[in-house]
N, C-alpha and C. Protein backbone atom coordinates (compact mmCIF):
# COMPACT_ATOMS: atom_id res chain seq x y z
N UNK A 1 8.01 -25.78 114.39
CA UNK A 1 9.04 -26.08 113.51
C UNK A 1 9.19 -26.27 112.56
N UNK A 2 8.55 -26.16 111.01
CA UNK A 2 8.62 -26.76 109.87
C UNK A 2 9.44 -27.49 109.51
N UNK A 3 8.80 -28.43 108.68
CA UNK A 3 9.91 -29.39 107.89
C UNK A 3 8.91 -28.96 106.45
N UNK A 4 9.72 -29.10 105.00
CA UNK A 4 9.73 -28.86 103.50
C UNK A 4 8.84 -30.49 102.78
N UNK A 5 8.05 -30.14 102.64
CA UNK A 5 7.47 -32.03 101.94
C UNK A 5 7.43 -31.54 100.44
N UNK A 6 8.18 -32.58 99.99
CA UNK A 6 8.41 -32.81 98.65
C UNK A 6 7.15 -33.46 97.85
N UNK A 7 7.00 -33.22 96.94
CA UNK A 7 5.36 -33.79 96.15
C UNK A 7 5.24 -35.27 96.57
N UNK A 8 6.78 -36.42 96.35
CA UNK A 8 6.38 -37.76 96.92
C UNK A 8 5.62 -37.25 97.76
N UNK A 9 6.08 -36.90 99.13
CA UNK A 9 5.82 -36.73 100.50
C UNK A 9 4.25 -36.08 100.68
N UNK A 10 3.93 -35.42 100.37
CA UNK A 10 3.14 -34.29 99.35
C UNK A 10 1.37 -36.05 98.95
N UNK A 11 2.31 -36.54 97.73
CA UNK A 11 1.22 -37.34 97.63
C UNK A 11 1.62 -39.20 98.90
N UNK A 12 2.35 -38.88 99.63
CA UNK A 12 2.12 -39.84 100.54
C UNK A 12 1.24 -39.81 101.71
N UNK A 13 1.53 -38.25 102.18
CA UNK A 13 0.72 -38.05 102.85
C UNK A 13 -1.20 -37.85 102.92
N UNK A 14 -1.81 -37.87 101.88
CA UNK A 14 -2.48 -38.15 101.29
C UNK A 14 -3.37 -39.49 101.27
N UNK A 15 -2.39 -40.46 100.97
CA UNK A 15 -2.44 -41.82 100.70
C UNK A 15 -2.45 -42.32 102.04
N UNK A 16 -1.71 -41.82 102.83
CA UNK A 16 -1.60 -42.72 104.48
C UNK A 16 -3.13 -41.98 105.12
N UNK A 17 -3.37 -41.18 104.19
CA UNK A 17 -4.59 -40.23 105.55
C UNK A 17 -6.05 -40.77 104.51
N UNK A 18 -6.38 -41.45 104.01
CA UNK A 18 -6.96 -42.66 103.56
C UNK A 18 -7.91 -41.93 102.52
N UNK A 19 -7.35 -40.84 101.73
CA UNK A 19 -8.32 -39.70 101.24
C UNK A 19 -8.07 -39.87 99.86
N UNK A 20 -8.71 -40.08 99.22
CA UNK A 20 -8.72 -40.01 97.09
C UNK A 20 -9.38 -39.48 96.42
N UNK A 21 -9.42 -37.56 97.68
CA UNK A 21 -10.54 -37.00 96.63
C UNK A 21 -9.43 -36.32 95.37
N UNK A 22 -8.53 -36.58 94.90
CA UNK A 22 -7.73 -36.49 94.25
C UNK A 22 -6.94 -37.19 93.63
N UNK A 23 -7.06 -36.98 91.98
CA UNK A 23 -6.06 -37.81 91.12
C UNK A 23 -4.70 -37.05 91.43
N UNK A 24 -3.58 -38.44 90.40
CA UNK A 24 -2.55 -37.87 90.80
C UNK A 24 -2.29 -36.69 89.88
N UNK A 25 -2.87 -36.16 88.87
CA UNK A 25 -2.68 -35.05 87.47
C UNK A 25 -3.29 -33.88 88.81
N UNK A 26 -4.44 -34.26 90.11
CA UNK A 26 -4.90 -33.41 90.27
C UNK A 26 -3.92 -33.15 91.64
N UNK A 27 -3.72 -34.39 92.25
CA UNK A 27 -2.32 -33.46 93.87
C UNK A 27 -0.96 -32.89 92.74
N UNK A 28 -0.64 -33.72 91.82
CA UNK A 28 0.58 -32.70 90.76
C UNK A 28 -0.14 -31.27 91.07
N UNK A 29 -1.04 -30.99 90.32
CA UNK A 29 -1.47 -29.53 90.63
C UNK A 29 -1.79 -28.54 91.21
N UNK A 30 -1.92 -29.38 92.30
CA UNK A 30 -2.65 -28.71 94.08
C UNK A 30 -1.31 -28.11 94.73
N UNK A 31 0.01 -29.45 94.67
CA UNK A 31 1.10 -29.05 95.07
C UNK A 31 1.23 -28.06 94.64
N UNK A 32 2.12 -28.35 93.65
CA UNK A 32 2.19 -26.75 92.63
C UNK A 32 1.53 -25.26 92.44
N UNK A 33 0.60 -25.13 92.70
CA UNK A 33 -0.47 -24.22 92.85
C UNK A 33 -0.08 -23.51 94.51
N UNK A 34 -0.04 -25.07 95.13
CA UNK A 34 -0.12 -24.69 96.88
C UNK A 34 1.79 -23.98 97.05
N UNK A 35 3.13 -24.49 96.24
CA UNK A 35 4.08 -23.76 96.12
C UNK A 35 4.15 -22.55 96.02
N UNK A 36 3.85 -22.29 94.54
CA UNK A 36 3.22 -20.96 93.99
C UNK A 36 2.61 -20.03 95.23
N UNK A 37 2.06 -20.24 96.12
CA UNK A 37 1.24 -19.43 97.16
C UNK A 37 2.68 -19.58 98.12
N UNK A 38 2.94 -20.28 98.57
CA UNK A 38 3.70 -20.41 99.39
C UNK A 38 4.87 -18.69 98.93
N UNK A 39 5.16 -19.14 97.60
CA UNK A 39 6.63 -18.14 97.54
C UNK A 39 6.16 -16.79 97.09
N UNK A 40 4.65 -16.70 96.71
CA UNK A 40 3.76 -14.91 96.61
C UNK A 40 3.76 -14.62 97.91
N UNK A 41 2.89 -15.52 98.50
CA UNK A 41 3.09 -14.62 100.00
C UNK A 41 3.80 -14.28 101.02
N UNK A 42 5.24 -15.24 101.02
CA UNK A 42 6.00 -15.20 101.96
C UNK A 42 5.69 -16.64 102.99
N UNK A 43 4.64 -16.92 103.38
CA UNK A 43 4.32 -17.43 103.73
C UNK A 43 4.31 -19.35 103.82
N UNK A 44 4.93 -20.19 104.92
CA UNK A 44 4.75 -20.76 104.78
C UNK A 44 2.91 -21.67 104.83
N UNK A 45 2.92 -22.86 103.89
CA UNK A 45 1.51 -23.34 104.42
C UNK A 45 1.80 -25.18 105.13
N UNK A 46 0.84 -25.29 105.92
CA UNK A 46 0.79 -26.21 106.80
C UNK A 46 0.10 -27.72 105.88
N UNK A 47 0.47 -28.59 105.90
CA UNK A 47 0.28 -29.81 105.17
C UNK A 47 -0.57 -30.38 105.80
N UNK A 48 -1.95 -30.67 105.79
CA UNK A 48 -3.12 -30.54 106.89
C UNK A 48 -4.33 -30.90 105.61
N UNK A 49 -4.18 -32.84 105.40
CA UNK A 49 -4.59 -33.10 104.12
C UNK A 49 -6.38 -32.86 103.93
N UNK A 50 -6.82 -32.91 105.59
CA UNK A 50 -8.16 -33.17 105.90
C UNK A 50 -8.36 -30.87 105.56
N UNK A 51 -7.49 -31.03 105.89
CA UNK A 51 -7.93 -28.80 105.57
C UNK A 51 -7.85 -28.75 103.97
N UNK A 52 -7.11 -29.20 103.24
CA UNK A 52 -7.09 -28.78 102.25
C UNK A 52 -8.28 -29.97 101.31
N UNK A 53 -8.25 -31.32 101.74
CA UNK A 53 -9.63 -31.64 101.00
C UNK A 53 -10.95 -30.70 101.58
N UNK A 54 -11.02 -30.01 102.51
CA UNK A 54 -12.46 -28.91 102.75
C UNK A 54 -12.05 -27.73 101.86
N UNK A 55 -10.47 -27.26 101.37
CA UNK A 55 -10.73 -26.39 101.15
C UNK A 55 -10.58 -26.48 99.34
N UNK A 56 -10.31 -27.43 98.92
CA UNK A 56 -9.87 -27.46 97.42
C UNK A 56 -10.64 -28.87 97.06
N UNK A 57 -11.00 -29.05 96.14
CA UNK A 57 -11.73 -30.20 94.86
C UNK A 57 -11.27 -30.31 93.60
N UNK A 58 -11.85 -31.37 93.45
CA UNK A 58 -10.92 -31.77 91.67
C UNK A 58 -12.52 -32.51 91.32
N UNK A 59 -13.09 -31.92 90.61
CA UNK A 59 -14.23 -32.79 90.22
C UNK A 59 -14.02 -32.03 88.35
N UNK A 60 -15.09 -32.46 87.98
CA UNK A 60 -15.23 -32.60 86.39
C UNK A 60 -16.18 -31.02 86.40
N UNK A 61 -16.35 -31.48 84.63
CA UNK A 61 -16.87 -30.26 84.38
C UNK A 61 -17.96 -30.09 84.61
N UNK A 62 -18.77 -31.31 83.93
CA UNK A 62 -20.49 -32.14 84.60
C UNK A 62 -21.09 -32.22 86.28
N UNK A 63 -19.95 -32.38 86.59
CA UNK A 63 -20.52 -32.61 88.43
C UNK A 63 -19.89 -30.61 88.97
N UNK A 64 -19.00 -29.96 88.24
CA UNK A 64 -19.53 -28.94 88.80
C UNK A 64 -20.84 -27.82 88.34
N UNK A 65 -20.88 -28.26 86.84
CA UNK A 65 -22.45 -27.72 86.78
C UNK A 65 -23.62 -28.13 87.74
N UNK A 66 -23.44 -29.57 87.79
CA UNK A 66 -24.53 -29.97 88.56
C UNK A 66 -24.94 -29.36 90.20
N UNK A 67 -23.44 -29.46 91.11
CA UNK A 67 -23.49 -28.76 91.90
C UNK A 67 -23.87 -27.25 91.86
N UNK A 68 -23.23 -26.77 90.77
CA UNK A 68 -23.65 -25.15 91.39
C UNK A 68 -24.82 -24.94 90.60
N UNK A 69 -25.51 -25.37 89.85
CA UNK A 69 -26.38 -25.09 89.13
C UNK A 69 -26.36 -24.23 87.41
N UNK A 70 -25.17 -24.36 87.33
CA UNK A 70 -24.60 -24.30 85.70
C UNK A 70 -25.62 -24.45 84.96
N UNK A 71 -26.38 -23.38 83.96
CA UNK A 71 -26.62 -24.70 82.91
C UNK A 71 -26.11 -24.66 82.01
N UNK A 72 -26.18 -26.33 81.30
CA UNK A 72 -25.10 -26.53 79.91
C UNK A 72 -25.67 -26.84 79.27
N UNK A 73 -27.41 -26.91 78.85
CA UNK A 73 -27.96 -27.32 78.34
C UNK A 73 -28.12 -26.98 76.99
N UNK A 74 -27.68 -25.50 76.16
CA UNK A 74 -27.50 -25.66 75.03
C UNK A 74 -26.27 -24.86 74.43
N UNK A 75 -25.33 -25.71 75.20
CA UNK A 75 -23.75 -25.81 75.10
C UNK A 75 -23.13 -26.93 74.79
N UNK A 76 -22.43 -27.08 73.62
CA UNK A 76 -21.47 -28.57 72.94
C UNK A 76 -20.65 -27.89 73.33
N UNK A 77 -19.80 -26.87 72.60
CA UNK A 77 -18.71 -27.37 72.62
C UNK A 77 -17.90 -26.12 73.44
N UNK A 78 -18.74 -25.71 73.88
CA UNK A 78 -18.08 -24.60 75.47
C UNK A 78 -18.31 -24.88 77.05
N UNK A 79 -17.82 -26.16 76.96
CA UNK A 79 -19.15 -26.16 78.52
C UNK A 79 -18.32 -26.11 79.19
N UNK A 80 -16.07 -26.46 78.88
CA UNK A 80 -15.22 -25.65 79.89
C UNK A 80 -15.25 -25.01 80.10
N UNK A 81 -15.45 -24.03 79.29
CA UNK A 81 -15.35 -22.49 78.77
C UNK A 81 -16.58 -22.01 80.07
N UNK A 82 -17.26 -22.36 79.98
CA UNK A 82 -18.16 -21.62 80.51
C UNK A 82 -18.00 -21.94 82.30
N UNK A 83 -18.02 -23.29 81.74
CA UNK A 83 -17.86 -23.65 84.18
C UNK A 83 -15.98 -23.03 84.61
N UNK A 84 -15.10 -22.73 83.33
CA UNK A 84 -14.07 -22.01 83.66
C UNK A 84 -14.44 -20.67 84.42
N UNK A 85 -15.24 -20.06 83.44
CA UNK A 85 -15.40 -18.20 83.87
C UNK A 85 -16.11 -18.08 85.21
N UNK A 86 -17.21 -19.18 84.93
CA UNK A 86 -17.88 -19.21 86.49
C UNK A 86 -16.90 -19.61 87.41
N UNK A 87 -15.79 -20.32 87.63
CA UNK A 87 -15.20 -20.36 88.78
C UNK A 87 -14.42 -19.44 88.48
N UNK A 88 -13.99 -19.05 87.71
CA UNK A 88 -12.74 -17.25 87.70
C UNK A 88 -13.60 -16.34 88.29
N UNK A 89 -14.95 -16.01 88.13
CA UNK A 89 -16.12 -15.23 88.94
C UNK A 89 -16.25 -15.19 90.54
N UNK A 90 -16.00 -16.66 91.72
CA UNK A 90 -16.27 -17.27 92.29
C UNK A 90 -15.00 -17.73 93.19
N UNK A 91 -13.56 -18.02 92.61
CA UNK A 91 -12.98 -18.31 93.16
C UNK A 91 -11.34 -18.30 92.20
N UNK A 92 -10.87 -19.33 93.32
CA UNK A 92 -9.96 -19.72 92.78
C UNK A 92 -9.20 -21.26 92.11
N UNK A 93 -8.71 -20.55 90.87
CA UNK A 93 -8.52 -22.40 90.14
C UNK A 93 -7.61 -22.64 88.97
N UNK A 94 -6.70 -23.72 90.29
CA UNK A 94 -5.77 -23.71 90.41
C UNK A 94 -5.25 -24.58 89.62
N UNK A 95 -5.68 -25.53 89.04
CA UNK A 95 -5.59 -25.80 87.55
C UNK A 95 -6.38 -26.79 87.33
N UNK A 96 -6.09 -27.10 85.44
CA UNK A 96 -6.88 -28.16 84.68
C UNK A 96 -6.73 -29.96 84.60
N UNK A 97 -7.69 -30.67 84.83
CA UNK A 97 -7.26 -31.78 84.27
C UNK A 97 -8.00 -32.08 83.08
N UNK A 98 -7.51 -33.71 82.17
CA UNK A 98 -8.45 -33.55 81.40
C UNK A 98 -10.12 -33.54 81.13
N UNK A 99 -10.18 -33.68 82.74
CA UNK A 99 -11.87 -34.27 83.02
C UNK A 99 -12.81 -32.55 83.43
N UNK A 100 -11.65 -32.26 84.44
CA UNK A 100 -11.98 -31.00 85.10
C UNK A 100 -11.17 -29.74 85.49
N UNK A 101 -11.54 -29.41 86.99
CA UNK A 101 -10.69 -28.23 87.52
C UNK A 101 -10.64 -28.75 88.96
N UNK A 102 -9.34 -28.23 89.45
CA UNK A 102 -8.62 -28.04 90.76
C UNK A 102 -9.05 -27.06 90.99
N UNK A 103 -10.20 -26.63 92.29
CA UNK A 103 -9.94 -25.06 92.65
C UNK A 103 -10.85 -25.36 93.89
N UNK A 104 -10.43 -24.35 94.76
CA UNK A 104 -10.64 -24.25 95.68
C UNK A 104 -11.85 -23.51 95.94
N UNK A 105 -12.69 -24.36 96.97
CA UNK A 105 -14.45 -24.57 97.26
C UNK A 105 -15.08 -23.37 98.07
N UNK A 106 -14.15 -22.62 99.12
CA UNK A 106 -14.94 -21.73 99.86
C UNK A 106 -14.52 -19.54 98.73
N UNK A 107 -16.13 -20.58 98.41
CA UNK A 107 -16.69 -19.20 97.42
C UNK A 107 -16.39 -17.80 98.77
């Protein structure tokens, strides 16, 4: 038996679990992304906050570049584009925030 979860309940599940891996904008993007995946596949996704925190991440451009050894030393204006292209080649991007990306961490 499954229950449909509203965006508010989705936020509350993360709050209750003590996980602060995502900003509110990030949670909004992740919620919309997961709903889209459900719609596209026809399969329901179980709300498992810990699994979502393991499978998805919200990181700044600089943090992603550092974590995946993306050289941005000669880049001034196109850092976001270089990181986006890197992620697009390796994983799924759920969306963008002001500071970075929400993406699937399982490459």
